[in-house]
Amino acid sequence: MTECVIAAVVAYLMGSIPFGFILARVFLGTDVRKIGSGNIGATNVMRTGSKRLGIATLLLDAAKGYAAVYVATVIYSGPGDDPTRYRVAGIAAICAILGHVFPVWLKFKGGKGVATGVGVFLALAPKTVGVVLIVFILIVAISRYVSLASMLASALFPIVAMLLERNGPILLPFMIGAAIVIIAKHHANIRRLLSGTENRLELRKR
């Protein structure tokens, strides 16, 4: 129980590192929270005009999610095939996403958890990530709506994981929980999509 709590706290703190905010502030002198959607994720960082910083934010946010799950499995001292190890990893995955969405360092106002979700999903169910990533790319290419692609990919992930991953049944509740957090954070995007006012992805080189 103690190990589970420690893993959850560590995962939250790792997930709460606001890379998008830090990169925009350091390299552009800009508060990314005052641009576009106002969140600190990769898509909004790209709206500063810097594709490179957007990509860097994406990679770092995904990396912290992956690292949070990995550290949780190290903290747990049980055998490698113990189902509890996967449950601890699942708890850490949700906590890492919650850390990104509600970072203590920014008064609990963070991003939408998509890139961090990719990282935790990659750690939990790597086979599934490849399939869902293809779906995500196709939706973005067709619609230019990153928000729509993110929500559909998040909803699809638990279903595909159940079909492809050996530990899918054990991890299913945690993957569903993670997907719900990510989709719920897109509530404003859902309203804009329904009203036809959602921003489409536009990239400018810098």
C-alpha atoms as a PDB file:
ATOM      1  CA  MET A   1       0.000   0.000   0.000  1.00  0.00           C
ATOM      2  CA  THR A   2       2.818   2.380   0.895  1.00  0.00           C
ATOM      3  CA  GLU A   3       4.570   1.661  -2.390  1.00  0.00           C
ATOM      4  CA  CYS A   4       1.353   2.379  -4.280  1.00  0.00           C
ATOM      5  CA  VAL A   5       0.932   5.757  -2.579  1.00  0.00           C
ATOM      6  CA  ILE A   6       4.577   6.688  -3.207  1.00  0.00           C
ATOM      7  CA  ALA A   7       4.271   5.672  -6.867  1.00  0.00           C
ATOM      8  CA  ALA A   8       1.097   7.749  -7.231  1.00  0.00           C
ATOM      9  CA  VAL A   9       2.662  10.866  -5.685  1.00  0.00           C
ATOM     10  CA  VAL A  10       5.858  10.558  -7.716  1.00  0.00           C
ATOM     11  CA  ALA A  11       3.858  10.028 -10.918  1.00  0.00           C
ATOM     12  CA  TYR A  12       1.736  13.112 -10.221  1.00  0.00           C
ATOM     13  CA  LEU A  13       4.801  15.286  -9.591  1.00  0.00           C
ATOM     14  CA  MET A  14       6.519  14.017 -12.730  1.00  0.00           C
ATOM     15  CA  GLY A  15       3.387  14.598 -14.774  1.00  0.00           C
ATOM     16  CA  SER A  16       3.002  18.113 -13.385  1.00  0.00           C
ATOM     17  CA  ILE A  17       6.261  19.394 -14.913  1.00  0.00           C
ATOM     18  CA  PRO A  18       4.913  22.094 -17.325  1.00  0.00           C
ATOM     19  CA  PHE A  19       7.319  21.664 -20.230  1.00  0.00           C
ATOM     20  CA  GLY A  20       5.211  23.685 -22.685  1.00  0.00           C
ATOM     21  CA  PHE A  21       5.044  26.630 -20.304  1.00  0.00           C
ATOM     22  CA  ILE A  22       8.781  26.422 -19.561  1.00  0.00           C
ATOM     23  CA  LEU A  23       9.887  26.163 -23.203  1.00  0.00           C
ATOM     24  CA  ALA A  24       7.699  29.043 -24.378  1.00  0.00           C
ATOM     25  CA  ARG A  25       8.867  31.220 -21.497  1.00  0.00           C
ATOM     26  CA  VAL A  26      12.582  30.434 -21.910  1.00  0.00           C
ATOM     27  CA  PHE A  27      12.900  30.512 -25.706  1.00  0.00           C
ATOM     28  CA  LEU A  28      10.167  32.971 -26.710  1.00  0.00           C
ATOM     29  CA  GLY A  29       9.633  35.016 -23.565  1.00  0.00           C
ATOM     30  CA  THR A  30       5.942  34.184 -23.957  1.00  0.00           C
ATOM     31  CA  ASP A  31       3.317  32.965 -21.529  1.00  0.00           C
ATOM     32  CA  VAL A  32       1.669  30.235 -23.590  1.00  0.00           C
ATOM     33  CA  ARG A  33      -1.386  30.443 -21.341  1.00  0.00           C
ATOM     34  CA  LYS A  34      -2.209  33.794 -22.986  1.00  0.00           C
ATOM     35  CA  ILE A  35      -2.192  32.337 -26.512  1.00  0.00           C
ATOM     36  CA  GLY A  36      -4.820  30.339 -28.383  1.00  0.00           C
ATOM     37  CA  SER A  37      -6.660  27.915 -26.125  1.00  0.00           C
ATOM     38  CA  GLY A  38      -4.603  28.987 -23.117  1.00  0.00           C
ATOM     39  CA  ASN A  39      -3.383  25.516 -22.193  1.00  0.00           C
ATOM     40  CA  ILE A  40       0.248  24.407 -21.897  1.00  0.00           C
ATOM     41  CA  GLY A  41       0.185  21.482 -24.325  1.00  0.00           C
ATOM     42  CA  ALA A  42       2.059  20.920 -27.561  1.00  0.00           C
ATOM     43  CA  THR A  43      -0.746  22.050 -29.885  1.00  0.00           C
ATOM     44  CA  ASN A  44      -1.056  25.411 -28.180  1.00  0.00           C
ATOM     45  CA  VAL A  45       2.728  25.854 -28.076  1.00  0.00           C
ATOM     46  CA  MET A  46       2.688  25.426 -31.858  1.00  0.00           C
ATOM     47  CA  ARG A  47       0.272  28.350 -32.011  1.00  0.00           C
ATOM     48  CA  THR A  48       3.146  30.577 -30.879  1.00  0.00           C
ATOM     49  CA  GLY A  49       4.484  29.997 -34.385  1.00  0.00           C
ATOM     50  CA  SER A  50       7.276  27.688 -33.275  1.00  0.00           C
ATOM     51  CA  LYS A  51       6.845  24.213 -34.703  1.00  0.00           C
ATOM     52  CA  ARG A  52      10.099  23.102 -33.083  1.00  0.00           C
ATOM     53  CA  LEU A  53       8.999  24.084 -29.594  1.00  0.00           C
ATOM     54  CA  GLY A  54       5.674  22.382 -30.185  1.00  0.00           C
ATOM     55  CA  ILE A  55       7.400  19.145 -31.149  1.00  0.00           C
ATOM     56  CA  ALA A  56       9.783  19.453 -28.196  1.00  0.00           C
ATOM     57  CA  THR A  57       6.799  19.916 -25.866  1.00  0.00           C
ATOM     58  CA  LEU A  58       5.093  16.877 -27.362  1.00  0.00           C
ATOM     59  CA  LEU A  59       8.152  14.682 -26.870  1.00  0.00           C
ATOM     60  CA  LEU A  60       8.895  15.892 -23.344  1.00  0.00           C
ATOM     61  CA  ASP A  61       5.286  15.567 -22.200  1.00  0.00           C
ATOM     62  CA  ALA A  62       5.133  12.039 -23.601  1.00  0.00           C
ATOM     63  CA  ALA A  63       8.498  11.191 -22.030  1.00  0.00           C
ATOM     64  CA  LYS A  64       7.397  12.280 -18.552  1.00  0.00           C
ATOM     65  CA  GLY A  65       4.304  10.085 -18.830  1.00  0.00           C
ATOM     66  CA  TYR A  66       6.361   7.080 -19.874  1.00  0.00           C
ATOM     67  CA  ALA A  67       8.931   7.753 -17.153  1.00  0.00           C
ATOM     68  CA  ALA A  68       6.245   8.072 -14.472  1.00  0.00           C
ATOM     69  CA  VAL A  69       4.896   4.602 -15.243  1.00  0.00           C
ATOM     70  CA  TYR A  70       8.383   3.127 -15.458  1.00  0.00           C
ATOM     71  CA  VAL A  71       9.390   4.610 -12.089  1.00  0.00           C
ATOM     72  CA  ALA A  72       6.216   3.188 -10.537  1.00  0.00           C
ATOM     73  CA  THR A  73       7.195  -0.318 -11.638  1.00  0.00           C
ATOM     74  CA  VAL A  74      10.638   0.210 -10.099  1.00  0.00           C
ATOM     75  CA  ILE A  75       9.138   1.423  -6.819  1.00  0.00           C
ATOM     76  CA  TYR A  76       6.926  -1.666  -6.605  1.00  0.00           C
ATOM     77  CA  SER A  77       9.050  -4.488  -5.221  1.00  0.00           C
ATOM     78  CA  GLY A  78       6.845  -7.439  -6.132  1.00  0.00           C
ATOM     79  CA  PRO A  79       7.585 -10.045  -8.822  1.00  0.00           C
ATOM     80  CA  GLY A  80       7.602  -8.949 -12.443  1.00  0.00           C
ATOM     81  CA  ASP A  81       4.497 -10.945 -13.415  1.00  0.00           C
ATOM     82  CA  ASP A  82       2.474  -9.943 -10.363  1.00  0.00           C
ATOM     83  CA  PRO A  83      -0.876  -8.416 -11.451  1.00  0.00           C
ATOM     84  CA  THR A  84      -0.441  -5.845  -8.689  1.00  0.00           C
ATOM     85  CA  ARG A  85       2.559  -4.453 -10.545  1.00  0.00           C
ATOM     86  CA  TYR A  86       0.321  -3.652 -13.503  1.00  0.00           C
ATOM     87  CA  ARG A  87      -2.281  -2.087 -11.220  1.00  0.00           C
ATOM     88  CA  VAL A  88       0.375   0.143  -9.640  1.00  0.00           C
ATOM     89  CA  ALA A  89       1.514   1.101 -13.139  1.00  0.00           C
ATOM     90  CA  GLY A  90      -2.096   1.891 -14.067  1.00  0.00           C
ATOM     91  CA  ILE A  91      -2.550   4.111 -11.020  1.00  0.00           C
ATOM     92  CA  ALA A  92       0.693   5.911 -11.861  1.00  0.00           C
ATOM     93  CA  ALA A  93      -0.521   6.434 -15.423  1.00  0.00           C
ATOM     94  CA  ILE A  94      -3.683   8.204 -14.275  1.00  0.00           C
ATOM     95  CA  CYS A  95      -1.751  10.256 -11.701  1.00  0.00           C
ATOM     96  CA  ALA A  96       0.762  11.386 -14.324  1.00  0.00           C
ATOM     97  CA  ILE A  97      -2.045  12.571 -16.587  1.00  0.00           C
ATOM     98  CA  LEU A  98      -3.753  14.313 -13.667  1.00  0.00           C
ATOM     99  CA  GLY A  99      -0.437  15.996 -12.869  1.00  0.00           C
ATOM    100  CA  HIS A 100      -0.262  17.412 -16.380  1.00  0.00           C
ATOM    101  CA  VAL A 101      -3.911  18.472 -16.393  1.00  0.00           C
ATOM    102  CA  PHE A 102      -3.808  19.914 -12.861  1.00  0.00           C
ATOM    103  CA  PRO A 103      -0.180  20.942 -12.158  1.00  0.00           C
ATOM    104  CA  VAL A 104       0.399  22.227  -8.656  1.00  0.00           C
ATOM    105  CA  TRP A 105       3.037  24.648 -10.010  1.00  0.00           C
ATOM    106  CA  LEU A 106       0.508  26.529 -12.188  1.00  0.00           C
ATOM    107  CA  LYS A 107      -2.418  26.736  -9.764  1.00  0.00           C
ATOM    108  CA  PHE A 108      -3.787  23.431 -11.126  1.00  0.00           C
ATOM    109  CA  LYS A 109      -4.376  24.852 -14.618  1.00  0.00           C
ATOM    110  CA  GLY A 110      -2.494  22.742 -17.136  1.00  0.00           C
ATOM    111  CA  GLY A 111      -2.884  20.979 -20.451  1.00  0.00           C
ATOM    112  CA  LYS A 112      -5.302  18.383 -21.759  1.00  0.00           C
ATOM    113  CA  GLY A 113      -3.178  15.326 -21.125  1.00  0.00           C
ATOM    114  CA  VAL A 114      -2.931  13.989 -24.668  1.00  0.00           C
ATOM    115  CA  ALA A 115       0.863  13.837 -25.072  1.00  0.00           C
ATOM    116  CA  THR A 116       1.321  12.640 -21.496  1.00  0.00           C
ATOM    117  CA  GLY A 117      -1.377  10.075 -22.222  1.00  0.00           C
ATOM    118  CA  VAL A 118       0.616   8.860 -25.223  1.00  0.00           C
ATOM    119  CA  GLY A 119       3.599   8.359 -22.933  1.00  0.00           C
ATOM    120  CA  VAL A 120       1.734   6.412 -20.272  1.00  0.00           C
ATOM    121  CA  PHE A 121      -0.082   4.351 -22.892  1.00  0.00           C
ATOM    122  CA  LEU A 122       3.225   3.568 -24.567  1.00  0.00           C
ATOM    123  CA  ALA A 123       4.485   2.229 -21.246  1.00  0.00           C
ATOM    124  CA  LEU A 124       1.310   0.268 -20.517  1.00  0.00           C
ATOM    125  CA  ALA A 125       0.326  -1.016 -23.950  1.00  0.00           C
ATOM    126  CA  PRO A 126       2.971  -0.325 -26.623  1.00  0.00           C
ATOM    127  CA  LYS A 127       1.352  -2.407 -29.374  1.00  0.00           C
ATOM    128  CA  THR A 128      -1.859  -0.450 -29.109  1.00  0.00           C
ATOM    129  CA  VAL A 129      -0.146   2.931 -29.426  1.00  0.00           C
ATOM    130  CA  GLY A 130       0.940   2.202 -32.988  1.00  0.00           C
ATOM    131  CA  VAL A 131      -2.586   1.333 -34.111  1.00  0.00           C
ATOM    132  CA  VAL A 132      -4.219   4.288 -32.371  1.00  0.00           C
ATOM    133  CA  LEU A 133      -1.516   6.675 -33.596  1.00  0.00           C
ATOM    134  CA  ILE A 134      -2.393   5.803 -37.195  1.00  0.00           C
ATOM    135  CA  VAL A 135      -6.035   6.622 -36.475  1.00  0.00           C
ATOM    136  CA  PHE A 136      -5.016   9.908 -34.838  1.00  0.00           C
ATOM    137  CA  ILE A 137      -2.870  10.958 -37.802  1.00  0.00           C
ATOM    138  CA  LEU A 138      -5.606  10.100 -40.299  1.00  0.00           C
ATOM    139  CA  ILE A 139      -8.223  12.112 -38.426  1.00  0.00           C
ATOM    140  CA  VAL A 140      -5.918  15.134 -38.134  1.00  0.00           C
ATOM    141  CA  ALA A 141      -4.961  14.890 -41.813  1.00  0.00           C
ATOM    142  CA  ILE A 142      -8.596  14.772 -42.892  1.00  0.00           C
ATOM    143  CA  SER A 143     -10.195  17.206 -40.441  1.00  0.00           C
ATOM    144  CA  ARG A 144      -7.269  19.337 -39.168  1.00  0.00           C
ATOM    145  CA  TYR A 145      -8.917  19.097 -35.754  1.00  0.00           C
ATOM    146  CA  VAL A 146      -6.342  17.902 -33.224  1.00  0.00           C
ATOM    147  CA  SER A 147      -8.948  17.949 -30.462  1.00  0.00           C
ATOM    148  CA  LEU A 148     -11.289  15.622 -32.355  1.00  0.00           C
ATOM    149  CA  ALA A 149      -8.465  13.236 -33.171  1.00  0.00           C
ATOM    150  CA  SER A 150      -7.283  13.263 -29.560  1.00  0.00           C
ATOM    151  CA  MET A 151     -10.690  12.412 -28.159  1.00  0.00           C
ATOM    152  CA  LEU A 152     -11.437   9.670 -30.659  1.00  0.00           C
ATOM    153  CA  ALA A 153      -7.993   8.132 -30.201  1.00  0.00           C
ATOM    154  CA  SER A 154      -8.371   8.215 -26.411  1.00  0.00           C
ATOM    155  CA  ALA A 155     -11.780   6.544 -26.593  1.00  0.00           C
ATOM    156  CA  LEU A 156     -10.475   3.897 -28.982  1.00  0.00           C
ATOM    157  CA  PHE A 157      -7.387   3.027 -26.942  1.00  0.00           C
ATOM    158  CA  PRO A 158      -8.959   0.809 -24.228  1.00  0.00           C
ATOM    159  CA  ILE A 159     -10.885  -1.150 -26.860  1.00  0.00           C
ATOM    160  CA  VAL A 160      -7.832  -1.858 -29.010  1.00  0.00           C
ATOM    161  CA  ALA A 161      -5.721  -2.651 -25.948  1.00  0.00           C
ATOM    162  CA  MET A 162      -8.200  -5.322 -24.891  1.00  0.00           C
ATOM    163  CA  LEU A 163      -7.713  -6.999 -28.258  1.00  0.00           C
ATOM    164  CA  LEU A 164      -3.940  -6.676 -28.569  1.00  0.00           C
ATOM    165  CA  GLU A 165      -2.393  -6.607 -25.098  1.00  0.00           C
ATOM    166  CA  ARG A 166      -1.847  -9.642 -22.887  1.00  0.00           C
ATOM    167  CA  ASN A 167      -2.484  -7.584 -19.752  1.00  0.00           C
ATOM    168  CA  GLY A 168      -5.360  -5.665 -21.290  1.00  0.00           C
ATOM    169  CA  PRO A 169      -8.029  -6.973 -18.878  1.00  0.00           C
ATOM    170  CA  ILE A 170      -5.979  -5.949 -15.810  1.00  0.00           C
ATOM    171  CA  LEU A 171      -5.190  -2.511 -17.189  1.00  0.00           C
ATOM    172  CA  LEU A 172      -8.631  -1.837 -18.689  1.00  0.00           C
ATOM    173  CA  PRO A 173     -10.084   0.159 -15.738  1.00  0.00           C
ATOM    174  CA  PHE A 174      -7.030   2.410 -15.647  1.00  0.00           C
ATOM    175  CA  MET A 175      -6.985   2.963 -19.400  1.00  0.00           C
ATOM    176  CA  ILE A 176     -10.677   3.833 -19.337  1.00  0.00           C
ATOM    177  CA  GLY A 177     -10.029   6.223 -16.438  1.00  0.00           C
ATOM    178  CA  ALA A 178      -7.177   7.891 -18.317  1.00  0.00           C
ATOM    179  CA  ALA A 179      -9.320   8.232 -21.445  1.00  0.00           C
ATOM    180  CA  ILE A 180     -12.163   9.799 -19.442  1.00  0.00           C
ATOM    181  CA  VAL A 181      -9.810  12.392 -17.916  1.00  0.00           C
ATOM    182  CA  ILE A 182      -8.443  13.360 -21.341  1.00  0.00           C
ATOM    183  CA  ILE A 183     -11.865  13.550 -23.015  1.00  0.00           C
ATOM    184  CA  ALA A 184     -13.407  15.465 -20.095  1.00  0.00           C
ATOM    185  CA  LYS A 185     -10.621  18.040 -20.341  1.00  0.00           C
ATOM    186  CA  HIS A 186     -11.743  18.674 -23.934  1.00  0.00           C
ATOM    187  CA  HIS A 187     -15.198  19.876 -22.872  1.00  0.00           C
ATOM    188  CA  ALA A 188     -14.627  23.337 -24.363  1.00  0.00           C
ATOM    189  CA  ASN A 189     -13.404  21.782 -27.612  1.00  0.00           C
ATOM    190  CA  ILE A 190     -16.548  19.659 -27.797  1.00  0.00           C
ATOM    191  CA  ARG A 191     -18.700  22.775 -27.552  1.00  0.00           C
ATOM    192  CA  ARG A 192     -16.657  24.511 -30.254  1.00  0.00           C
ATOM    193  CA  LEU A 193     -16.779  21.471 -32.521  1.00  0.00           C
ATOM    194  CA  LEU A 194     -20.561  21.341 -32.206  1.00  0.00           C
ATOM    195  CA  SER A 195     -20.858  25.056 -32.936  1.00  0.00           C
ATOM    196  CA  GLY A 196     -18.346  24.960 -35.798  1.00  0.00           C
ATOM    197  CA  THR A 197     -15.929  27.393 -34.156  1.00  0.00           C
ATOM    198  CA  GLU A 198     -13.121  25.004 -33.212  1.00  0.00           C
ATOM    199  CA  ASN A 199      -9.625  26.035 -34.333  1.00  0.00           C
ATOM    200  CA  ARG A 200      -8.022  23.949 -37.049  1.00  0.00           C
ATOM    201  CA  LEU A 201      -4.332  23.097 -36.867  1.00  0.00           C
ATOM    202  CA  GLU A 202      -2.185  25.563 -38.769  1.00  0.00           C
ATOM    203  CA  LEU A 203       1.596  25.353 -38.751  1.00  0.00           C
ATOM    204  CA  ARG A 204       3.946  28.223 -39.444  1.00  0.00           C
ATOM    205  CA  LYS A 205       7.666  27.700 -39.628  1.00  0.00           C
ATOM    206  CA  ARG A 206      10.021  29.250 -37.111  1.00  0.00           C
END
